[in-house]
Amino acid sequence: MKIHQSPGTGDIVAVCDRELMNTTISHEKCTVTITEYFYGNSPVSETEVRQVLERAENINLMGERAVRIAVDMGILSRSGCIMIGQVPHAQIYRT
């Protein structure tokens, strides 16, 4: 997990399943490289992720576990995700 500080527009919380870090996934014309620069390189617990997601306004999720946490919390429906290959991805914007 990494929190990007963005003055004036709100912070961006990026959460990714650990095994996806530093990989590239593709589907049709979409290719995404999952980097430590965006998602961070410090593992965090599910409890820590939940605490941050509770108050986050701008969220980027990549991977089964990351998406499941948001679905379990009720801030995302599974149908609100896209699949990039076999990997679920979601962006959440709350005001």
PDB file of N, CA and C in Angstrom:
ATOM      1  N   MET A   1       0.846  -1.178   0.000  1.00  0.00           N
ATOM      2  CA  MET A   1       0.000   0.000   0.000  1.00  0.00           C
ATOM      3  C   MET A   1       0.888   1.236   0.000  1.00  0.00           C
ATOM      4  N   LYS A   2       0.426   2.219  -0.738  1.00  0.00           N
ATOM      5  CA  LYS A   2       1.128   3.495  -0.740  1.00  0.00           C
ATOM      6  C   LYS A   2       0.077   4.591  -0.802  1.00  0.00           C
ATOM      7  N   ILE A   3       0.317   5.655  -0.059  1.00  0.00           N
ATOM      8  CA  ILE A   3      -0.578   6.804  -0.098  1.00  0.00           C
ATOM      9  C   ILE A   3       0.163   7.940  -0.785  1.00  0.00           C
ATOM     10  N   HIS A   4      -0.370   8.368  -1.928  1.00  0.00           N
ATOM     11  CA  HIS A   4       0.213   9.467  -2.682  1.00  0.00           C
ATOM     12  C   HIS A   4      -0.421  10.764  -2.194  1.00  0.00           C
ATOM     13  N   GLN A   5       0.420  11.676  -1.732  1.00  0.00           N
ATOM     14  CA  GLN A   5      -0.053  12.970  -1.274  1.00  0.00           C
ATOM     15  C   GLN A   5      -0.309  13.855  -2.489  1.00  0.00           C
ATOM     16  N   SER A   6      -1.511  14.406  -2.578  1.00  0.00           N
ATOM     17  CA  SER A   6      -1.880  15.229  -3.718  1.00  0.00           C
ATOM     18  C   SER A   6      -2.623  16.469  -3.218  1.00  0.00           C
ATOM     19  N   PRO A   7      -1.880  17.515  -2.830  1.00  0.00           N
ATOM     20  CA  PRO A   7      -2.508  18.712  -2.281  1.00  0.00           C
ATOM     21  C   PRO A   7      -3.562  19.296  -3.231  1.00  0.00           C
ATOM     22  N   GLY A   8      -4.706  19.617  -2.665  1.00  0.00           N
ATOM     23  CA  GLY A   8      -5.763  20.241  -3.440  1.00  0.00           C
ATOM     24  C   GLY A   8      -6.716  19.284  -4.119  1.00  0.00           C
ATOM     25  N   THR A   9      -6.280  18.044  -4.347  1.00  0.00           N
ATOM     26  CA  THR A   9      -7.155  17.090  -5.030  1.00  0.00           C
ATOM     27  C   THR A   9      -7.434  15.844  -4.195  1.00  0.00           C
ATOM     28  N   GLY A  10      -6.837  15.741  -3.033  1.00  0.00           N
ATOM     29  CA  GLY A  10      -7.037  14.565  -2.194  1.00  0.00           C
ATOM     30  C   GLY A  10      -5.973  13.516  -2.433  1.00  0.00           C
ATOM     31  N   ASP A  11      -5.709  12.746  -1.408  1.00  0.00           N
ATOM     32  CA  ASP A  11      -4.698  11.698  -1.503  1.00  0.00           C
ATOM     33  C   ASP A  11      -5.208  10.521  -2.320  1.00  0.00           C
ATOM     34  N   ILE A  12      -4.283   9.779  -2.908  1.00  0.00           N
ATOM     35  CA  ILE A  12      -4.605   8.560  -3.650  1.00  0.00           C
ATOM     36  C   ILE A  12      -4.041   7.381  -2.870  1.00  0.00           C
ATOM     37  N   VAL A  13      -4.913   6.442  -2.510  1.00  0.00           N
ATOM     38  CA  VAL A  13      -4.498   5.228  -1.827  1.00  0.00           C
ATOM     39  C   VAL A  13      -4.383   4.122  -2.869  1.00  0.00           C
ATOM     40  N   ALA A  14      -3.203   3.550  -2.989  1.00  0.00           N
ATOM     41  CA  ALA A  14      -2.954   2.475  -3.959  1.00  0.00           C
ATOM     42  C   ALA A  14      -2.671   1.182  -3.195  1.00  0.00           C
ATOM     43  N   VAL A  15      -3.447   0.127  -3.495  1.00  0.00           N
ATOM     44  CA  VAL A  15      -3.302  -1.161  -2.808  1.00  0.00           C
ATOM     45  C   VAL A  15      -3.189  -2.256  -3.863  1.00  0.00           C
ATOM     46  N   CYS A  16      -2.203  -3.119  -3.690  1.00  0.00           N
ATOM     47  CA  CYS A  16      -1.954  -4.185  -4.660  1.00  0.00           C
ATOM     48  C   CYS A  16      -1.584  -5.468  -3.924  1.00  0.00           C
ATOM     49  N   ASP A  17      -2.041  -6.598  -4.438  1.00  0.00           N
ATOM     50  CA  ASP A  17      -1.621  -7.894  -3.896  1.00  0.00           C
ATOM     51  C   ASP A  17      -0.108  -8.045  -4.102  1.00  0.00           C
ATOM     52  N   ARG A  18       0.569  -8.500  -3.077  1.00  0.00           N
ATOM     53  CA  ARG A  18       2.025  -8.579  -3.069  1.00  0.00           C
ATOM     54  C   ARG A  18       2.614  -9.357  -4.254  1.00  0.00           C
ATOM     55  N   GLU A  19       1.979 -10.477  -4.622  1.00  0.00           N
ATOM     56  CA  GLU A  19       2.557 -11.308  -5.691  1.00  0.00           C
ATOM     57  C   GLU A  19       2.475 -10.665  -7.073  1.00  0.00           C
ATOM     58  N   LEU A  20       1.707  -9.603  -7.199  1.00  0.00           N
ATOM     59  CA  LEU A  20       1.600  -8.901  -8.485  1.00  0.00           C
ATOM     60  C   LEU A  20       2.673  -7.825  -8.658  1.00  0.00           C
ATOM     61  N   MET A  21       3.358  -7.501  -7.557  1.00  0.00           N
ATOM     62  CA  MET A  21       4.333  -6.419  -7.600  1.00  0.00           C
ATOM     63  C   MET A  21       5.430  -6.700  -8.624  1.00  0.00           C
ATOM     64  N   ASN A  22       5.761  -5.665  -9.375  1.00  0.00           N
ATOM     65  CA  ASN A  22       6.807  -5.717 -10.399  1.00  0.00           C
ATOM     66  C   ASN A  22       6.508  -6.745 -11.491  1.00  0.00           C
ATOM     67  N   THR A  23       5.242  -6.856 -11.847  1.00  0.00           N
ATOM     68  CA  THR A  23       4.842  -7.702 -12.970  1.00  0.00           C
ATOM     69  C   THR A  23       4.112  -6.853 -14.001  1.00  0.00           C
ATOM     70  N   THR A  24       3.916  -7.421 -15.164  1.00  0.00           N
ATOM     71  CA  THR A  24       3.143  -6.779 -16.220  1.00  0.00           C
ATOM     72  C   THR A  24       2.003  -7.712 -16.572  1.00  0.00           C
ATOM     73  N   ILE A  25       0.788  -7.161 -16.638  1.00  0.00           N
ATOM     74  CA  ILE A  25      -0.377  -7.952 -17.016  1.00  0.00           C
ATOM     75  C   ILE A  25      -1.007  -7.323 -18.246  1.00  0.00           C
ATOM     76  N   SER A  26      -1.641  -8.159 -19.057  1.00  0.00           N
ATOM     77  CA  SER A  26      -2.220  -7.676 -20.308  1.00  0.00           C
ATOM     78  C   SER A  26      -3.567  -8.315 -20.568  1.00  0.00           C
ATOM     79  N   HIS A  27      -4.381  -7.583 -21.301  1.00  0.00           N
ATOM     80  CA  HIS A  27      -5.660  -8.089 -21.798  1.00  0.00           C
ATOM     81  C   HIS A  27      -6.010  -7.286 -23.031  1.00  0.00           C
ATOM     82  N   GLU A  28      -6.150  -7.963 -24.144  1.00  0.00           N
ATOM     83  CA  GLU A  28      -6.426  -7.318 -25.424  1.00  0.00           C
ATOM     84  C   GLU A  28      -5.441  -6.175 -25.642  1.00  0.00           C
ATOM     85  N   LYS A  29      -5.909  -4.937 -25.732  1.00  0.00           N
ATOM     86  CA  LYS A  29      -5.011  -3.812 -26.014  1.00  0.00           C
ATOM     87  C   LYS A  29      -4.524  -3.091 -24.760  1.00  0.00           C
ATOM     88  N   CYS A  30      -4.834  -3.641 -23.596  1.00  0.00           N
ATOM     89  CA  CYS A  30      -4.468  -3.003 -22.324  1.00  0.00           C
ATOM     90  C   CYS A  30      -3.296  -3.754 -21.694  1.00  0.00           C
ATOM     91  N   THR A  31      -2.230  -3.029 -21.397  1.00  0.00           N
ATOM     92  CA  THR A  31      -1.086  -3.591 -20.682  1.00  0.00           C
ATOM     93  C   THR A  31      -0.773  -2.691 -19.502  1.00  0.00           C
ATOM     94  N   VAL A  32      -0.615  -3.295 -18.342  1.00  0.00           N
ATOM     95  CA  VAL A  32      -0.337  -2.545 -17.119  1.00  0.00           C
ATOM     96  C   VAL A  32       0.895  -3.137 -16.447  1.00  0.00           C
ATOM     97  N   THR A  33       1.846  -2.282 -16.118  1.00  0.00           N
ATOM     98  CA  THR A  33       3.004  -2.693 -15.345  1.00  0.00           C
ATOM     99  C   THR A  33       2.780  -2.238 -13.910  1.00  0.00           C
ATOM    100  N   ILE A  34       2.830  -3.175 -13.001  1.00  0.00           N
ATOM    101  CA  ILE A  34       2.543  -2.923 -11.592  1.00  0.00           C
ATOM    102  C   ILE A  34       3.871  -2.654 -10.893  1.00  0.00           C
ATOM    103  N   THR A  35       4.039  -1.424 -10.421  1.00  0.00           N
ATOM    104  CA  THR A  35       5.338  -1.009  -9.902  1.00  0.00           C
ATOM    105  C   THR A  35       5.292  -0.622  -8.427  1.00  0.00           C
ATOM    106  N   GLU A  36       6.443  -0.729  -7.794  1.00  0.00           N
ATOM    107  CA  GLU A  36       6.598  -0.267  -6.423  1.00  0.00           C
ATOM    108  C   GLU A  36       6.461   1.245  -6.347  1.00  0.00           C
ATOM    109  N   TYR A  37       6.820   1.936  -7.404  1.00  0.00           N
ATOM    110  CA  TYR A  37       6.690   3.394  -7.411  1.00  0.00           C
ATOM    111  C   TYR A  37       5.249   3.797  -7.115  1.00  0.00           C
ATOM    112  N   PHE A  38       4.285   3.124  -7.729  1.00  0.00           N
ATOM    113  CA  PHE A  38       2.888   3.492  -7.521  1.00  0.00           C
ATOM    114  C   PHE A  38       2.271   2.787  -6.318  1.00  0.00           C
ATOM    115  N   TYR A  39       2.501   1.490  -6.183  1.00  0.00           N
ATOM    116  CA  TYR A  39       1.835   0.713  -5.132  1.00  0.00           C
ATOM    117  C   TYR A  39       2.643   0.584  -3.846  1.00  0.00           C
ATOM    118  N   GLY A  40       3.871   1.034  -3.826  1.00  0.00           N
ATOM    119  CA  GLY A  40       4.693   0.964  -2.631  1.00  0.00           C
ATOM    120  C   GLY A  40       5.412  -0.363  -2.511  1.00  0.00           C
ATOM    121  N   ASN A  41       6.265  -0.452  -1.501  1.00  0.00           N
ATOM    122  CA  ASN A  41       7.029  -1.695  -1.319  1.00  0.00           C
ATOM    123  C   ASN A  41       7.038  -2.169   0.128  1.00  0.00           C
ATOM    124  N   SER A  42       6.156  -1.599   0.946  1.00  0.00           N
ATOM    125  CA  SER A  42       6.075  -2.026   2.347  1.00  0.00           C
ATOM    126  C   SER A  42       4.796  -2.817   2.565  1.00  0.00           C
ATOM    127  N   PRO A  43       4.909  -4.107   2.883  1.00  0.00           N
ATOM    128  CA  PRO A  43       3.706  -4.901   3.151  1.00  0.00           C
ATOM    129  C   PRO A  43       2.936  -4.349   4.347  1.00  0.00           C
ATOM    130  N   VAL A  44       1.620  -4.395   4.259  1.00  0.00           N
ATOM    131  CA  VAL A  44       0.755  -3.966   5.365  1.00  0.00           C
ATOM    132  C   VAL A  44      -0.285  -5.046   5.611  1.00  0.00           C
ATOM    133  N   SER A  45      -0.854  -5.028   6.796  1.00  0.00           N
ATOM    134  CA  SER A  45      -1.867  -6.021   7.151  1.00  0.00           C
ATOM    135  C   SER A  45      -3.221  -5.633   6.558  1.00  0.00           C
ATOM    136  N   GLU A  46      -4.116  -6.605   6.515  1.00  0.00           N
ATOM    137  CA  GLU A  46      -5.476  -6.327   6.054  1.00  0.00           C
ATOM    138  C   GLU A  46      -6.142  -5.293   6.956  1.00  0.00           C
ATOM    139  N   THR A  47      -5.870  -5.345   8.225  1.00  0.00           N
ATOM    140  CA  THR A  47      -6.439  -4.372   9.162  1.00  0.00           C
ATOM    141  C   THR A  47      -5.992  -2.955   8.815  1.00  0.00           C
ATOM    142  N   GLU A  48      -4.702  -2.801   8.499  1.00  0.00           N
ATOM    143  CA  GLU A  48      -4.195  -1.481   8.112  1.00  0.00           C
ATOM    144  C   GLU A  48      -4.847  -0.992   6.826  1.00  0.00           C
ATOM    145  N   VAL A  49      -5.016  -1.886   5.859  1.00  0.00           N
ATOM    146  CA  VAL A  49      -5.672  -1.513   4.606  1.00  0.00           C
ATOM    147  C   VAL A  49      -7.094  -1.051   4.884  1.00  0.00           C
ATOM    148  N   ARG A  50      -7.822  -1.801   5.691  1.00  0.00           N
ATOM    149  CA  ARG A  50      -9.206  -1.436   6.019  1.00  0.00           C
ATOM    150  C   ARG A  50      -9.284  -0.062   6.682  1.00  0.00           C
ATOM    151  N   GLN A  51      -8.381   0.219   7.596  1.00  0.00           N
ATOM    152  CA  GLN A  51      -8.386   1.512   8.281  1.00  0.00           C
ATOM    153  C   GLN A  51      -8.190   2.670   7.311  1.00  0.00           C
ATOM    154  N   VAL A  52      -7.290   2.503   6.369  1.00  0.00           N
ATOM    155  CA  VAL A  52      -7.026   3.563   5.400  1.00  0.00           C
ATOM    156  C   VAL A  52      -8.184   3.689   4.401  1.00  0.00           C
ATOM    157  N   LEU A  53      -8.719   2.555   3.934  1.00  0.00           N
ATOM    158  CA  LEU A  53      -9.807   2.608   2.962  1.00  0.00           C
ATOM    159  C   LEU A  53     -11.079   3.224   3.534  1.00  0.00           C
ATOM    160  N   GLU A  54     -11.290   3.097   4.846  1.00  0.00           N
ATOM    161  CA  GLU A  54     -12.488   3.666   5.468  1.00  0.00           C
ATOM    162  C   GLU A  54     -12.615   5.154   5.210  1.00  0.00           C
ATOM    163  N   ARG A  55     -11.504   5.857   5.169  1.00  0.00           N
ATOM    164  CA  ARG A  55     -11.558   7.304   5.027  1.00  0.00           C
ATOM    165  C   ARG A  55     -11.026   7.821   3.689  1.00  0.00           C
ATOM    166  N   ALA A  56     -10.566   6.925   2.835  1.00  0.00           N
ATOM    167  CA  ALA A  56      -9.983   7.338   1.557  1.00  0.00           C
ATOM    168  C   ALA A  56     -11.053   7.813   0.578  1.00  0.00           C
ATOM    169  N   GLU A  57     -10.717   8.828  -0.188  1.00  0.00           N
ATOM    170  CA  GLU A  57     -11.622   9.343  -1.210  1.00  0.00           C
ATOM    171  C   GLU A  57     -11.239   8.878  -2.606  1.00  0.00           C
ATOM    172  N   ASN A  58      -9.967   8.576  -2.824  1.00  0.00           N
ATOM    173  CA  ASN A  58      -9.484   8.161  -4.138  1.00  0.00           C
ATOM    174  C   ASN A  58      -8.674   6.892  -3.930  1.00  0.00           C
ATOM    175  N   ILE A  59      -9.178   5.765  -4.466  1.00  0.00           N
ATOM    176  CA  ILE A  59      -8.586   4.449  -4.203  1.00  0.00           C
ATOM    177  C   ILE A  59      -8.297   3.731  -5.511  1.00  0.00           C
ATOM    178  N   ASN A  60      -7.124   3.101  -5.589  1.00  0.00           N
ATOM    179  CA  ASN A  60      -6.745   2.285  -6.737  1.00  0.00           C
ATOM    180  C   ASN A  60      -6.392   0.903  -6.205  1.00  0.00           C
ATOM    181  N   LEU A  61      -7.118  -0.118  -6.665  1.00  0.00           N
ATOM    182  CA  LEU A  61      -6.938  -1.486  -6.170  1.00  0.00           C
ATOM    183  C   LEU A  61      -6.529  -2.415  -7.304  1.00  0.00           C
ATOM    184  N   MET A  62      -5.581  -3.305  -7.027  1.00  0.00           N
ATOM    185  CA  MET A  62      -5.137  -4.272  -8.026  1.00  0.00           C
ATOM    186  C   MET A  62      -4.964  -5.622  -7.344  1.00  0.00           C
ATOM    187  N   GLY A  63      -5.735  -6.620  -7.798  1.00  0.00           N
ATOM    188  CA  GLY A  63      -5.572  -7.970  -7.278  1.00  0.00           C
ATOM    189  C   GLY A  63      -6.776  -8.465  -6.503  1.00  0.00           C
ATOM    190  N   GLU A  64      -6.871  -9.780  -6.388  1.00  0.00           N
ATOM    191  CA  GLU A  64      -8.007 -10.433  -5.731  1.00  0.00           C
ATOM    192  C   GLU A  64      -8.188  -9.999  -4.280  1.00  0.00           C
ATOM    193  N   ARG A  65      -7.115 -10.032  -3.496  1.00  0.00           N
ATOM    194  CA  ARG A  65      -7.246  -9.692  -2.074  1.00  0.00           C
ATOM    195  C   ARG A  65      -7.556  -8.213  -1.873  1.00  0.00           C
ATOM    196  N   ALA A  66      -6.899  -7.357  -2.621  1.00  0.00           N
ATOM    197  CA  ALA A  66      -7.144  -5.916  -2.491  1.00  0.00           C
ATOM    198  C   ALA A  66      -8.602  -5.588  -2.817  1.00  0.00           C
ATOM    199  N   VAL A  67      -9.118  -6.157  -3.885  1.00  0.00           N
ATOM    200  CA  VAL A  67     -10.507  -5.917  -4.291  1.00  0.00           C
ATOM    201  C   VAL A  67     -11.468  -6.521  -3.265  1.00  0.00           C
ATOM    202  N   ARG A  68     -11.180  -7.733  -2.791  1.00  0.00           N
ATOM    203  CA  ARG A  68     -12.062  -8.399  -1.828  1.00  0.00           C
ATOM    204  C   ARG A  68     -12.252  -7.568  -0.564  1.00  0.00           C
ATOM    205  N   ILE A  69     -11.186  -6.936  -0.101  1.00  0.00           N
ATOM    206  CA  ILE A  69     -11.291  -6.102   1.104  1.00  0.00           C
ATOM    207  C   ILE A  69     -12.314  -4.990   0.881  1.00  0.00           C
ATOM    208  N   ALA A  70     -12.226  -4.297  -0.240  1.00  0.00           N
ATOM    209  CA  ALA A  70     -13.160  -3.201  -0.524  1.00  0.00           C
ATOM    210  C   ALA A  70     -14.588  -3.721  -0.694  1.00  0.00           C
ATOM    211  N   VAL A  71     -14.744  -4.888  -1.321  1.00  0.00           N
ATOM    212  CA  VAL A  71     -16.082  -5.485  -1.481  1.00  0.00           C
ATOM    213  C   VAL A  71     -16.641  -5.855  -0.116  1.00  0.00           C
ATOM    214  N   ASP A  72     -15.834  -6.495   0.719  1.00  0.00           N
ATOM    215  CA  ASP A  72     -16.273  -6.873   2.068  1.00  0.00           C
ATOM    216  C   ASP A  72     -16.666  -5.655   2.902  1.00  0.00           C
ATOM    217  N   MET A  73     -16.002  -4.525   2.668  1.00  0.00           N
ATOM    218  CA  MET A  73     -16.291  -3.298   3.412  1.00  0.00           C
ATOM    219  C   MET A  73     -17.532  -2.587   2.880  1.00  0.00           C
ATOM    220  N   GLY A  74     -18.011  -3.000   1.699  1.00  0.00           N
ATOM    221  CA  GLY A  74     -19.189  -2.373   1.121  1.00  0.00           C
ATOM    222  C   GLY A  74     -18.909  -1.090   0.359  1.00  0.00           C
ATOM    223  N   ILE A  75     -17.652  -0.824   0.036  1.00  0.00           N
ATOM    224  CA  ILE A  75     -17.335   0.388  -0.721  1.00  0.00           C
ATOM    225  C   ILE A  75     -17.150   0.110  -2.210  1.00  0.00           C
ATOM    226  N   LEU A  76     -17.313  -1.148  -2.594  1.00  0.00           N
ATOM    227  CA  LEU A  76     -17.155  -1.558  -3.986  1.00  0.00           C
ATOM    228  C   LEU A  76     -17.996  -2.799  -4.222  1.00  0.00           C
ATOM    229  N   SER A  77     -18.611  -2.878  -5.387  1.00  0.00           N
ATOM    230  CA  SER A  77     -19.263  -4.129  -5.777  1.00  0.00           C
ATOM    231  C   SER A  77     -18.342  -4.837  -6.766  1.00  0.00           C
ATOM    232  N   ARG A  78     -18.418  -6.130  -6.778  1.00  0.00           N
ATOM    233  CA  ARG A  78     -17.559  -6.899  -7.692  1.00  0.00           C
ATOM    234  C   ARG A  78     -17.801  -6.480  -9.144  1.00  0.00           C
ATOM    235  N   SER A  79     -19.027  -6.101  -9.473  1.00  0.00           N
ATOM    236  CA  SER A  79     -19.336  -5.669 -10.842  1.00  0.00           C
ATOM    237  C   SER A  79     -18.699  -4.313 -11.165  1.00  0.00           C
ATOM    238  N   GLY A  80     -18.192  -3.619 -10.147  1.00  0.00           N
ATOM    239  CA  GLY A  80     -17.525  -2.344 -10.360  1.00  0.00           C
ATOM    240  C   GLY A  80     -16.065  -2.497 -10.738  1.00  0.00           C
ATOM    241  N   CYS A  81     -15.607  -3.729 -10.886  1.00  0.00           N
ATOM    242  CA  CYS A  81     -14.217  -4.016 -11.244  1.00  0.00           C
ATOM    243  C   CYS A  81     -14.105  -4.306 -12.731  1.00  0.00           C
ATOM    244  N   ILE A  82     -12.924  -4.084 -13.254  1.00  0.00           N
ATOM    245  CA  ILE A  82     -12.601  -4.575 -14.589  1.00  0.00           C
ATOM    246  C   ILE A  82     -11.575  -5.690 -14.406  1.00  0.00           C
ATOM    247  N   MET A  83     -11.486  -6.534 -15.388  1.00  0.00           N
ATOM    248  CA  MET A  83     -10.478  -7.588 -15.354  1.00  0.00           C
ATOM    249  C   MET A  83      -9.396  -7.247 -16.372  1.00  0.00           C
ATOM    250  N   ILE A  84      -8.172  -7.286 -15.925  1.00  0.00           N
ATOM    251  CA  ILE A  84      -7.029  -7.142 -16.822  1.00  0.00           C
ATOM    252  C   ILE A  84      -6.374  -8.510 -16.823  1.00  0.00           C
ATOM    253  N   GLY A  85      -6.632  -9.261 -17.868  1.00  0.00           N
ATOM    254  CA  GLY A  85      -6.266 -10.671 -17.865  1.00  0.00           C
ATOM    255  C   GLY A  85      -7.109 -11.358 -16.808  1.00  0.00           C
ATOM    256  N   GLN A  86      -6.446 -11.999 -15.851  1.00  0.00           N
ATOM    257  CA  GLN A  86      -7.143 -12.678 -14.749  1.00  0.00           C
ATOM    258  C   GLN A  86      -7.121 -11.863 -13.452  1.00  0.00           C
ATOM    259  N   VAL A  87      -6.714 -10.608 -13.540  1.00  0.00           N
ATOM    260  CA  VAL A  87      -6.519  -9.785 -12.347  1.00  0.00           C
ATOM    261  C   VAL A  87      -7.607  -8.708 -12.246  1.00  0.00           C
ATOM    262  N   PRO A  88      -8.359  -8.673 -11.132  1.00  0.00           N
ATOM    263  CA  PRO A  88      -9.350  -7.614 -10.959  1.00  0.00           C
ATOM    264  C   PRO A  88      -8.679  -6.290 -10.598  1.00  0.00           C
ATOM    265  N   HIS A  89      -9.268  -5.224 -11.138  1.00  0.00           N
ATOM    266  CA  HIS A  89      -8.743  -3.865 -10.892  1.00  0.00           C
ATOM    267  C   HIS A  89      -9.941  -2.951 -10.674  1.00  0.00           C
ATOM    268  N   ALA A  90      -9.809  -2.023  -9.743  1.00  0.00           N
ATOM    269  CA  ALA A  90     -10.881  -1.059  -9.505  1.00  0.00           C
ATOM    270  C   ALA A  90     -10.301   0.280  -9.091  1.00  0.00           C
ATOM    271  N   GLN A  91     -11.007   1.319  -9.488  1.00  0.00           N
ATOM    272  CA  GLN A  91     -10.723   2.665  -9.030  1.00  0.00           C
ATOM    273  C   GLN A  91     -11.987   3.202  -8.390  1.00  0.00           C
ATOM    274  N   ILE A  92     -11.843   3.779  -7.215  1.00  0.00           N
ATOM    275  CA  ILE A  92     -12.979   4.276  -6.472  1.00  0.00           C
ATOM    276  C   ILE A  92     -12.746   5.761  -6.187  1.00  0.00           C
ATOM    277  N   TYR A  93     -13.761   6.562  -6.498  1.00  0.00           N
ATOM    278  CA  TYR A  93     -13.709   7.993  -6.203  1.00  0.00           C
ATOM    279  C   TYR A  93     -14.926   8.327  -5.346  1.00  0.00           C
ATOM    280  N   ARG A  94     -14.670   8.795  -4.140  1.00  0.00           N
ATOM    281  CA  ARG A  94     -15.755   9.183  -3.256  1.00  0.00           C
ATOM    282  C   ARG A  94     -15.608  10.668  -2.921  1.00  0.00           C
ATOM    283  N   THR A  95     -16.735  11.321  -2.730  1.00  0.00           N
ATOM    284  CA  THR A  95     -16.685  12.741  -2.377  1.00  0.00           C
ATOM    285  C   THR A  95     -17.284  12.956  -1.013  1.00  0.00           C
TER     286      THR A  95
END
